[in-house]
Amino acid sequence: NWPARLGGVCPLQFVAEGRVVRSDGASAAIHIR
């Protein structure tokens, strides 16, 4: 959920697809494709 709003009104969502490059059970990281 993105903190800025489109036109100051409409809520935005950042949607990304990526591959897991790190994971330790408590956190994970992806490289965005």
Full PDB file with SEQRES, HELIX, SHEET, SSBOND, CRYST1, ORIGX, SCALE, CONECT and MASTER records, all heavy atoms in Angstrom:
SEQRES   1 A   33  ASN TRP PRO ALA ARG LEU GLY GLY VAL CYS PRO LEU GLN          
SEQRES   2 A   33  PHE VAL ALA GLU GLY ARG VAL VAL ARG SER ASP GLY ALA          
SEQRES   3 A   33  SER ALA ALA ILE HIS ILE ARG                                  
SHEET    1 AA1 2 TRP A   2  LEU A   6  0                                        
SHEET    2 AA1 2 CYS A  10  LEU A  12 -1                                        
SHEET    1 AA2 2 GLY A  18  SER A  23  0                                        
SHEET    2 AA2 2 ALA A  28  ILE A  32 -1                                        
CRYST1    1.000    1.000    1.000  90.00  90.00  90.00 P 1           1          
ORIGX1      1.000000  0.000000  0.000000        0.00000                         
ORIGX2      0.000000  1.000000  0.000000        0.00000                         
ORIGX3      0.000000  0.000000  1.000000        0.00000                         
SCALE1      1.000000  0.000000  0.000000        0.00000                         
SCALE2      0.000000  1.000000  0.000000        0.00000                         
SCALE3      0.000000  0.000000  1.000000        0.00000                         
ATOM      1  N   ASN A   1       0.865  -1.180   0.000  1.00  0.00           N  
ATOM      2  CA  ASN A   1       0.000   0.000   0.000  1.00  0.00           C  
ATOM      3  C   ASN A   1       0.901   1.230   0.000  1.00  0.00           C  
ATOM      4  O   ASN A   1       1.701   1.418   0.904  1.00  0.00           O  
ATOM      5  CB  ASN A   1      -0.933   0.001   1.213  1.00  0.00           C  
ATOM      6  CG  ASN A   1      -1.982  -1.081   1.107  1.00  0.00           C  
ATOM      7  OD1 ASN A   1      -2.330  -1.527   0.023  1.00  0.00           O  
ATOM      8  ND2 ASN A   1      -2.487  -1.512   2.233  1.00  0.00           N  
ATOM      9  N   TRP A   2       0.785   2.040  -1.045  1.00  0.00           N  
ATOM     10  CA  TRP A   2       1.661   3.187  -1.257  1.00  0.00           C  
ATOM     11  C   TRP A   2       1.168   4.377  -0.435  1.00  0.00           C  
ATOM     12  O   TRP A   2      -0.035   4.624  -0.378  1.00  0.00           O  
ATOM     13  CB  TRP A   2       1.665   3.524  -2.751  1.00  0.00           C  
ATOM     14  CG  TRP A   2       2.877   4.254  -3.195  1.00  0.00           C  
ATOM     15  CD1 TRP A   2       2.940   5.540  -3.627  1.00  0.00           C  
ATOM     16  CD2 TRP A   2       4.204   3.752  -3.265  1.00  0.00           C  
ATOM     17  NE1 TRP A   2       4.224   5.865  -3.963  1.00  0.00           N  
ATOM     18  CE2 TRP A   2       5.030   4.782  -3.744  1.00  0.00           C  
ATOM     19  CE3 TRP A   2       4.791   2.513  -2.960  1.00  0.00           C  
ATOM     20  CZ2 TRP A   2       6.398   4.638  -3.933  1.00  0.00           C  
ATOM     21  CZ3 TRP A   2       6.156   2.362  -3.151  1.00  0.00           C  
ATOM     22  CH2 TRP A   2       6.938   3.416  -3.634  1.00  0.00           C  
ATOM     23  N   PRO A   3       2.079   5.119   0.189  1.00  0.00           N  
ATOM     24  CA  PRO A   3       1.642   6.224   1.052  1.00  0.00           C  
ATOM     25  C   PRO A   3       1.077   7.429   0.293  1.00  0.00           C  
ATOM     26  O   PRO A   3       0.231   8.146   0.826  1.00  0.00           O  
ATOM     27  CB  PRO A   3       2.907   6.603   1.820  1.00  0.00           C  
ATOM     28  CG  PRO A   3       4.025   6.106   0.981  1.00  0.00           C  
ATOM     29  CD  PRO A   3       3.511   4.904   0.251  1.00  0.00           C  
ATOM     30  N   ALA A   4       1.527   7.659  -0.937  1.00  0.00           N  
ATOM     31  CA  ALA A   4       1.011   8.795  -1.719  1.00  0.00           C  
ATOM     32  C   ALA A   4      -0.283   8.397  -2.414  1.00  0.00           C  
ATOM     33  O   ALA A   4      -0.537   7.222  -2.680  1.00  0.00           O  
ATOM     34  CB  ALA A   4       2.039   9.234  -2.745  1.00  0.00           C  
ATOM     35  N   ARG A   5      -1.104   9.394  -2.708  1.00  0.00           N  
ATOM     36  CA  ARG A   5      -2.374   9.148  -3.400  1.00  0.00           C  
ATOM     37  C   ARG A   5      -2.350   9.821  -4.766  1.00  0.00           C  
ATOM     38  O   ARG A   5      -1.814  10.915  -4.909  1.00  0.00           O  
ATOM     39  CB  ARG A   5      -3.545   9.686  -2.579  1.00  0.00           C  
ATOM     40  CG  ARG A   5      -3.762   8.911  -1.311  1.00  0.00           C  
ATOM     41  CD  ARG A   5      -4.862   9.523  -0.465  1.00  0.00           C  
ATOM     42  NE  ARG A   5      -5.121   8.704   0.691  1.00  0.00           N  
ATOM     43  CZ  ARG A   5      -6.171   7.900   0.812  1.00  0.00           C  
ATOM     44  NH1 ARG A   5      -7.069   7.837  -0.138  1.00  0.00           N  
ATOM     45  NH2 ARG A   5      -6.321   7.171   1.891  1.00  0.00           N  
ATOM     46  N   LEU A   6      -2.955   9.168  -5.733  1.00  0.00           N  
ATOM     47  CA  LEU A   6      -3.073   9.710  -7.072  1.00  0.00           C  
ATOM     48  C   LEU A   6      -3.982  10.928  -7.033  1.00  0.00           C  
ATOM     49  O   LEU A   6      -5.116  10.839  -6.567  1.00  0.00           O  
ATOM     50  CB  LEU A   6      -3.641   8.637  -8.012  1.00  0.00           C  
ATOM     51  CG  LEU A   6      -3.782   9.005  -9.481  1.00  0.00           C  
ATOM     52  CD1 LEU A   6      -2.423   9.328 -10.095  1.00  0.00           C  
ATOM     53  CD2 LEU A   6      -4.425   7.852 -10.241  1.00  0.00           C  
ATOM     54  N   GLY A   7      -3.473  12.065  -7.440  1.00  0.00           N  
ATOM     55  CA  GLY A   7      -4.259  13.290  -7.404  1.00  0.00           C  
ATOM     56  C   GLY A   7      -4.596  13.720  -5.988  1.00  0.00           C  
ATOM     57  O   GLY A   7      -5.525  14.498  -5.787  1.00  0.00           O  
ATOM     58  N   GLY A   8      -3.871  13.167  -5.014  1.00  0.00           N  
ATOM     59  CA  GLY A   8      -4.141  13.478  -3.623  1.00  0.00           C  
ATOM     60  C   GLY A   8      -5.388  12.813  -3.073  1.00  0.00           C  
ATOM     61  O   GLY A   8      -5.765  13.024  -1.929  1.00  0.00           O  
ATOM     62  N   VAL A   9      -6.061  11.986  -3.892  1.00  0.00           N  
ATOM     63  CA  VAL A   9      -7.345  11.400  -3.505  1.00  0.00           C  
ATOM     64  C   VAL A   9      -7.361   9.875  -3.580  1.00  0.00           C  
ATOM     65  O   VAL A   9      -7.764   9.206  -2.636  1.00  0.00           O  
ATOM     66  CB  VAL A   9      -8.473  11.966  -4.416  1.00  0.00           C  
ATOM     67  CG1 VAL A   9      -9.803  11.343  -4.070  1.00  0.00           C  
ATOM     68  CG2 VAL A   9      -8.530  13.470  -4.324  1.00  0.00           C  
ATOM     69  N   CYS A  10      -6.938   9.316  -4.681  1.00  0.00           N  
ATOM     70  CA  CYS A  10      -7.087   7.881  -4.940  1.00  0.00           C  
ATOM     71  C   CYS A  10      -5.912   7.076  -4.370  1.00  0.00           C  
ATOM     72  O   CYS A  10      -4.761   7.309  -4.739  1.00  0.00           O  
ATOM     73  CB  CYS A  10      -7.200   7.652  -6.448  1.00  0.00           C  
ATOM     74  SG  CYS A  10      -7.539   5.949  -6.891  1.00  0.00           S  
ATOM     75  N   PRO A  11      -6.176   6.109  -3.470  1.00  0.00           N  
ATOM     76  CA  PRO A  11      -5.116   5.276  -2.904  1.00  0.00           C  
ATOM     77  C   PRO A  11      -4.433   4.423  -3.978  1.00  0.00           C  
ATOM     78  O   PRO A  11      -5.077   3.945  -4.916  1.00  0.00           O  
ATOM     79  CB  PRO A  11      -5.836   4.377  -1.900  1.00  0.00           C  
ATOM     80  CG  PRO A  11      -7.171   4.980  -1.699  1.00  0.00           C  
ATOM     81  CD  PRO A  11      -7.487   5.759  -2.936  1.00  0.00           C  
ATOM     82  N   LEU A  12      -3.139   4.236  -3.821  1.00  0.00           N  
ATOM     83  CA  LEU A  12      -2.349   3.446  -4.768  1.00  0.00           C  
ATOM     84  C   LEU A  12      -1.759   2.220  -4.089  1.00  0.00           C  
ATOM     85  O   LEU A  12      -1.580   2.184  -2.879  1.00  0.00           O  
ATOM     86  CB  LEU A  12      -1.209   4.279  -5.339  1.00  0.00           C  
ATOM     87  CG  LEU A  12      -1.584   5.449  -6.227  1.00  0.00           C  
ATOM     88  CD1 LEU A  12      -0.355   6.292  -6.539  1.00  0.00           C  
ATOM     89  CD2 LEU A  12      -2.217   4.945  -7.511  1.00  0.00           C  
ATOM     90  N   GLN A  13      -1.429   1.238  -4.923  1.00  0.00           N  
ATOM     91  CA  GLN A  13      -0.758   0.041  -4.456  1.00  0.00           C  
ATOM     92  C   GLN A  13       0.383  -0.251  -5.432  1.00  0.00           C  
ATOM     93  O   GLN A  13       0.196  -0.224  -6.649  1.00  0.00           O  
ATOM     94  CB  GLN A  13      -1.738  -1.127  -4.423  1.00  0.00           C  
ATOM     95  CG  GLN A  13      -1.218  -2.350  -3.739  1.00  0.00           C  
ATOM     96  CD  GLN A  13      -2.314  -3.380  -3.561  1.00  0.00           C  
ATOM     97  OE1 GLN A  13      -2.921  -3.813  -4.535  1.00  0.00           O  
ATOM     98  NE2 GLN A  13      -2.562  -3.784  -2.335  1.00  0.00           N  
ATOM     99  N   PHE A  14       1.568  -0.482  -4.888  1.00  0.00           N  
ATOM    100  CA  PHE A  14       2.740  -0.865  -5.670  1.00  0.00           C  
ATOM    101  C   PHE A  14       2.740  -2.392  -5.738  1.00  0.00           C  
ATOM    102  O   PHE A  14       2.745  -3.059  -4.703  1.00  0.00           O  
ATOM    103  CB  PHE A  14       4.004  -0.357  -4.974  1.00  0.00           C  
ATOM    104  CG  PHE A  14       5.291  -0.831  -5.585  1.00  0.00           C  
ATOM    105  CD1 PHE A  14       5.796  -0.229  -6.721  1.00  0.00           C  
ATOM    106  CD2 PHE A  14       6.012  -1.863  -5.008  1.00  0.00           C  
ATOM    107  CE1 PHE A  14       6.987  -0.640  -7.275  1.00  0.00           C  
ATOM    108  CE2 PHE A  14       7.201  -2.294  -5.556  1.00  0.00           C  
ATOM    109  CZ  PHE A  14       7.699  -1.680  -6.693  1.00  0.00           C  
ATOM    110  N   VAL A  15       2.693  -2.941  -6.949  1.00  0.00           N  
ATOM    111  CA  VAL A  15       2.666  -4.389  -7.135  1.00  0.00           C  
ATOM    112  C   VAL A  15       3.910  -4.778  -7.920  1.00  0.00           C  
ATOM    113  O   VAL A  15       4.156  -4.247  -9.007  1.00  0.00           O  
ATOM    114  CB  VAL A  15       1.394  -4.837  -7.886  1.00  0.00           C  
ATOM    115  CG1 VAL A  15       1.386  -6.348  -8.075  1.00  0.00           C  
ATOM    116  CG2 VAL A  15       0.140  -4.380  -7.138  1.00  0.00           C  
ATOM    117  N   ALA A  16       4.716  -5.682  -7.346  1.00  0.00           N  
ATOM    118  CA  ALA A  16       5.968  -6.087  -7.979  1.00  0.00           C  
ATOM    119  C   ALA A  16       6.062  -7.605  -8.055  1.00  0.00           C  
ATOM    120  O   ALA A  16       5.548  -8.318  -7.196  1.00  0.00           O  
ATOM    121  CB  ALA A  16       7.156  -5.540  -7.198  1.00  0.00           C  
ATOM    122  N   GLU A  17       6.744  -8.063  -9.092  1.00  0.00           N  
ATOM    123  CA  GLU A  17       7.033  -9.478  -9.264  1.00  0.00           C  
ATOM    124  C   GLU A  17       8.546  -9.624  -9.239  1.00  0.00           C  
ATOM    125  O   GLU A  17       9.262  -8.824  -9.840  1.00  0.00           O  
ATOM    126  CB  GLU A  17       6.489  -9.961 -10.603  1.00  0.00           C  
ATOM    127  CG  GLU A  17       6.760 -11.418 -10.890  1.00  0.00           C  
ATOM    128  CD  GLU A  17       6.247 -11.807 -12.265  1.00  0.00           C  
ATOM    129  OE1 GLU A  17       5.029 -11.967 -12.409  1.00  0.00           O  
ATOM    130  OE2 GLU A  17       7.088 -11.924 -13.190  1.00  0.00           O  
ATOM    131  N   GLY A  18       9.011 -10.615  -8.505  1.00  0.00           N  
ATOM    132  CA  GLY A  18      10.453 -10.815  -8.443  1.00  0.00           C  
ATOM    133  C   GLY A  18      10.808 -12.176  -7.905  1.00  0.00           C  
ATOM    134  O   GLY A  18       9.956 -12.929  -7.443  1.00  0.00           O  
ATOM    135  N   ARG A  19      12.100 -12.470  -7.963  1.00  0.00           N  
ATOM    136  CA  ARG A  19      12.617 -13.744  -7.474  1.00  0.00           C  
ATOM    137  C   ARG A  19      13.265 -13.556  -6.107  1.00  0.00           C  
ATOM    138  O   ARG A  19      13.940 -12.565  -5.862  1.00  0.00           O  
ATOM    139  CB  ARG A  19      13.642 -14.305  -8.441  1.00  0.00           C  
ATOM    140  CG  ARG A  19      13.009 -14.684  -9.761  1.00  0.00           C  
ATOM    141  CD  ARG A  19      13.704 -15.871 -10.395  1.00  0.00           C  
ATOM    142  NE  ARG A  19      13.062 -16.189 -11.660  1.00  0.00           N  
ATOM    143  CZ  ARG A  19      12.101 -17.097 -11.805  1.00  0.00           C  
ATOM    144  NH1 ARG A  19      11.680 -17.774 -10.763  1.00  0.00           N  
ATOM    145  NH2 ARG A  19      11.563 -17.330 -12.980  1.00  0.00           N  
ATOM    146  N   VAL A  20      13.049 -14.525  -5.243  1.00  0.00           N  
ATOM    147  CA  VAL A  20      13.641 -14.498  -3.906  1.00  0.00           C  
ATOM    148  C   VAL A  20      15.153 -14.652  -4.039  1.00  0.00           C  
ATOM    149  O   VAL A  20      15.643 -15.597  -4.667  1.00  0.00           O  
ATOM    150  CB  VAL A  20      13.062 -15.625  -3.021  1.00  0.00           C  
ATOM    151  CG1 VAL A  20      13.763 -15.677  -1.678  1.00  0.00           C  
ATOM    152  CG2 VAL A  20      11.561 -15.441  -2.843  1.00  0.00           C  
ATOM    153  N   VAL A  21      15.888 -13.694  -3.451  1.00  0.00           N  
ATOM    154  CA  VAL A  21      17.349 -13.742  -3.469  1.00  0.00           C  
ATOM    155  C   VAL A  21      17.926 -13.958  -2.072  1.00  0.00           C  
ATOM    156  O   VAL A  21      19.112 -14.235  -1.927  1.00  0.00           O  
ATOM    157  CB  VAL A  21      17.956 -12.470  -4.112  1.00  0.00           C  
ATOM    158  CG1 VAL A  21      17.600 -12.393  -5.587  1.00  0.00           C  
ATOM    159  CG2 VAL A  21      17.518 -11.209  -3.392  1.00  0.00           C  
ATOM    160  N   ARG A  22      17.062 -13.838  -1.047  1.00  0.00           N  
ATOM    161  CA  ARG A  22      17.504 -14.062   0.332  1.00  0.00           C  
ATOM    162  C   ARG A  22      16.286 -14.356   1.197  1.00  0.00           C  
ATOM    163  O   ARG A  22      15.253 -13.734   1.053  1.00  0.00           O  
ATOM    164  CB  ARG A  22      18.229 -12.821   0.842  1.00  0.00           C  
ATOM    165  CG  ARG A  22      18.836 -13.002   2.222  1.00  0.00           C  
ATOM    166  CD  ARG A  22      19.714 -11.846   2.608  1.00  0.00           C  
ATOM    167  NE  ARG A  22      18.886 -10.678   2.911  1.00  0.00           N  
ATOM    168  CZ  ARG A  22      19.289  -9.427   2.747  1.00  0.00           C  
ATOM    169  NH1 ARG A  22      20.472  -9.168   2.257  1.00  0.00           N  
ATOM    170  NH2 ARG A  22      18.502  -8.438   3.078  1.00  0.00           N  
ATOM    171  N   SER A  23      16.438 -15.307   2.118  1.00  0.00           N  
ATOM    172  CA  SER A  23      15.353 -15.634   3.043  1.00  0.00           C  
ATOM    173  C   SER A  23      15.932 -16.332   4.256  1.00  0.00           C  
ATOM    174  O   SER A  23      16.739 -17.248   4.122  1.00  0.00           O  
ATOM    175  CB  SER A  23      14.327 -16.540   2.356  1.00  0.00           C  
ATOM    176  OG  SER A  23      13.279 -16.863   3.230  1.00  0.00           O  
ATOM    177  N   ASP A  24      15.535 -15.863   5.466  1.00  0.00           N  
ATOM    178  CA  ASP A  24      16.053 -16.475   6.684  1.00  0.00           C  
ATOM    179  C   ASP A  24      14.936 -16.918   7.634  1.00  0.00           C  
ATOM    180  O   ASP A  24      15.183 -17.207   8.790  1.00  0.00           O  
ATOM    181  CB  ASP A  24      17.011 -15.527   7.394  1.00  0.00           C  
ATOM    182  CG  ASP A  24      16.351 -14.248   7.886  1.00  0.00           C  
ATOM    183  OD1 ASP A  24      15.103 -14.172   7.905  1.00  0.00           O  
ATOM    184  OD2 ASP A  24      17.087 -13.319   8.247  1.00  0.00           O  
ATOM    185  N   GLY A  25      13.709 -16.950   7.177  1.00  0.00           N  
ATOM    186  CA  GLY A  25      12.586 -17.360   8.008  1.00  0.00           C  
ATOM    187  C   GLY A  25      11.875 -16.203   8.680  1.00  0.00           C  
ATOM    188  O   GLY A  25      10.703 -16.292   8.992  1.00  0.00           O  
ATOM    189  N   ALA A  26      12.591 -15.094   8.913  1.00  0.00           N  
ATOM    190  CA  ALA A  26      11.984 -13.907   9.518  1.00  0.00           C  
ATOM    191  C   ALA A  26      11.855 -12.775   8.514  1.00  0.00           C  
ATOM    192  O   ALA A  26      10.994 -11.907   8.639  1.00  0.00           O  
ATOM    193  CB  ALA A  26      12.808 -13.434  10.716  1.00  0.00           C  
ATOM    194  N   SER A  27      12.702 -12.794   7.483  1.00  0.00           N  
ATOM    195  CA  SER A  27      12.648 -11.781   6.436  1.00  0.00           C  
ATOM    196  C   SER A  27      13.090 -12.409   5.119  1.00  0.00           C  
ATOM    197  O   SER A  27      13.711 -13.468   5.097  1.00  0.00           O  
ATOM    198  CB  SER A  27      13.531 -10.574   6.774  1.00  0.00           C  
ATOM    199  OG  SER A  27      14.885 -10.951   6.816  1.00  0.00           O  
ATOM    200  N   ALA A  28      12.748 -11.724   4.043  1.00  0.00           N  
ATOM    201  CA  ALA A  28      13.135 -12.191   2.714  1.00  0.00           C  
ATOM    202  C   ALA A  28      13.343 -10.980   1.825  1.00  0.00           C  
ATOM    203  O   ALA A  28      12.827  -9.895   2.091  1.00  0.00           O  
ATOM    204  CB  ALA A  28      12.056 -13.107   2.126  1.00  0.00           C  
ATOM    205  N   ALA A  29      14.106 -11.188   0.759  1.00  0.00           N  
ATOM    206  CA  ALA A  29      14.356 -10.128  -0.213  1.00  0.00           C  
ATOM    207  C   ALA A  29      14.099 -10.670  -1.606  1.00  0.00           C  
ATOM    208  O   ALA A  29      14.393 -11.832  -1.905  1.00  0.00           O  
ATOM    209  CB  ALA A  29      15.790  -9.628  -0.105  1.00  0.00           C  
ATOM    210  N   ILE A  30      13.522  -9.821  -2.449  1.00  0.00           N  
ATOM    211  CA  ILE A  30      13.339 -10.181  -3.852  1.00  0.00           C  
ATOM    212  C   ILE A  30      14.066  -9.171  -4.729  1.00  0.00           C  
ATOM    213  O   ILE A  30      14.245  -8.014  -4.363  1.00  0.00           O  
ATOM    214  CB  ILE A  30      11.853 -10.240  -4.275  1.00  0.00           C  
ATOM    215  CG1 ILE A  30      11.178  -8.867  -4.170  1.00  0.00           C  
ATOM    216  CG2 ILE A  30      11.103 -11.300  -3.498  1.00  0.00           C  
ATOM    217  CD1 ILE A  30       9.851  -8.788  -4.907  1.00  0.00           C  
ATOM    218  N   HIS A  31      14.488  -9.650  -5.892  1.00  0.00           N  
ATOM    219  CA  HIS A  31      15.000  -8.783  -6.944  1.00  0.00           C  
ATOM    220  C   HIS A  31      13.822  -8.520  -7.877  1.00  0.00           C  
ATOM    221  O   HIS A  31      13.224  -9.462  -8.415  1.00  0.00           O  
ATOM    222  CB  HIS A  31      16.149  -9.467  -7.695  1.00  0.00           C  
ATOM    223  CG  HIS A  31      16.677  -8.638  -8.811  1.00  0.00           C  
ATOM    224  ND1 HIS A  31      16.291  -8.814 -10.112  1.00  0.00           N  
ATOM    225  CD2 HIS A  31      17.535  -7.585  -8.812  1.00  0.00           C  
ATOM    226  CE1 HIS A  31      16.901  -7.922 -10.873  1.00  0.00           C  
ATOM    227  NE2 HIS A  31      17.661  -7.166 -10.107  1.00  0.00           N  
ATOM    228  N   ILE A  32      13.453  -7.261  -8.045  1.00  0.00           N  
ATOM    229  CA  ILE A  32      12.267  -6.905  -8.834  1.00  0.00           C  
ATOM    230  C   ILE A  32      12.519  -7.146 -10.318  1.00  0.00           C  
ATOM    231  O   ILE A  32      13.501  -6.668 -10.880  1.00  0.00           O  
ATOM    232  CB  ILE A  32      11.875  -5.434  -8.603  1.00  0.00           C  
ATOM    233  CG1 ILE A  32      11.487  -5.215  -7.139  1.00  0.00           C  
ATOM    234  CG2 ILE A  32      10.735  -5.018  -9.533  1.00  0.00           C  
ATOM    235  CD1 ILE A  32      11.275  -3.752  -6.776  1.00  0.00           C  
ATOM    236  N   ARG A  33      11.611  -7.894 -10.953  1.00  0.00           N  
ATOM    237  CA  ARG A  33      11.648  -8.130 -12.401  1.00  0.00           C  
ATOM    238  C   ARG A  33      10.732  -7.156 -13.133  1.00  0.00           C  
ATOM    239  O   ARG A  33      11.044  -6.693 -14.210  1.00  0.00           O  
ATOM    240  CB  ARG A  33      11.213  -9.568 -12.724  1.00  0.00           C  
ATOM    241  CG  ARG A  33      12.184 -10.607 -12.234  1.00  0.00           C  
ATOM    242  CD  ARG A  33      11.659 -12.019 -12.368  1.00  0.00           C  
ATOM    243  NE  ARG A  33      10.706 -12.223 -13.433  1.00  0.00           N  
ATOM    244  CZ  ARG A  33      10.857 -13.074 -14.449  1.00  0.00           C  
ATOM    245  NH1 ARG A  33      11.932 -13.813 -14.517  1.00  0.00           N  
ATOM    246  NH2 ARG A  33       9.932 -13.212 -15.356  1.00  0.00           N  
TER     247      ARG A  33                                                      
MASTER        0    0    0    0    4    0    0    6  246    1    0    3          
END                                                                             
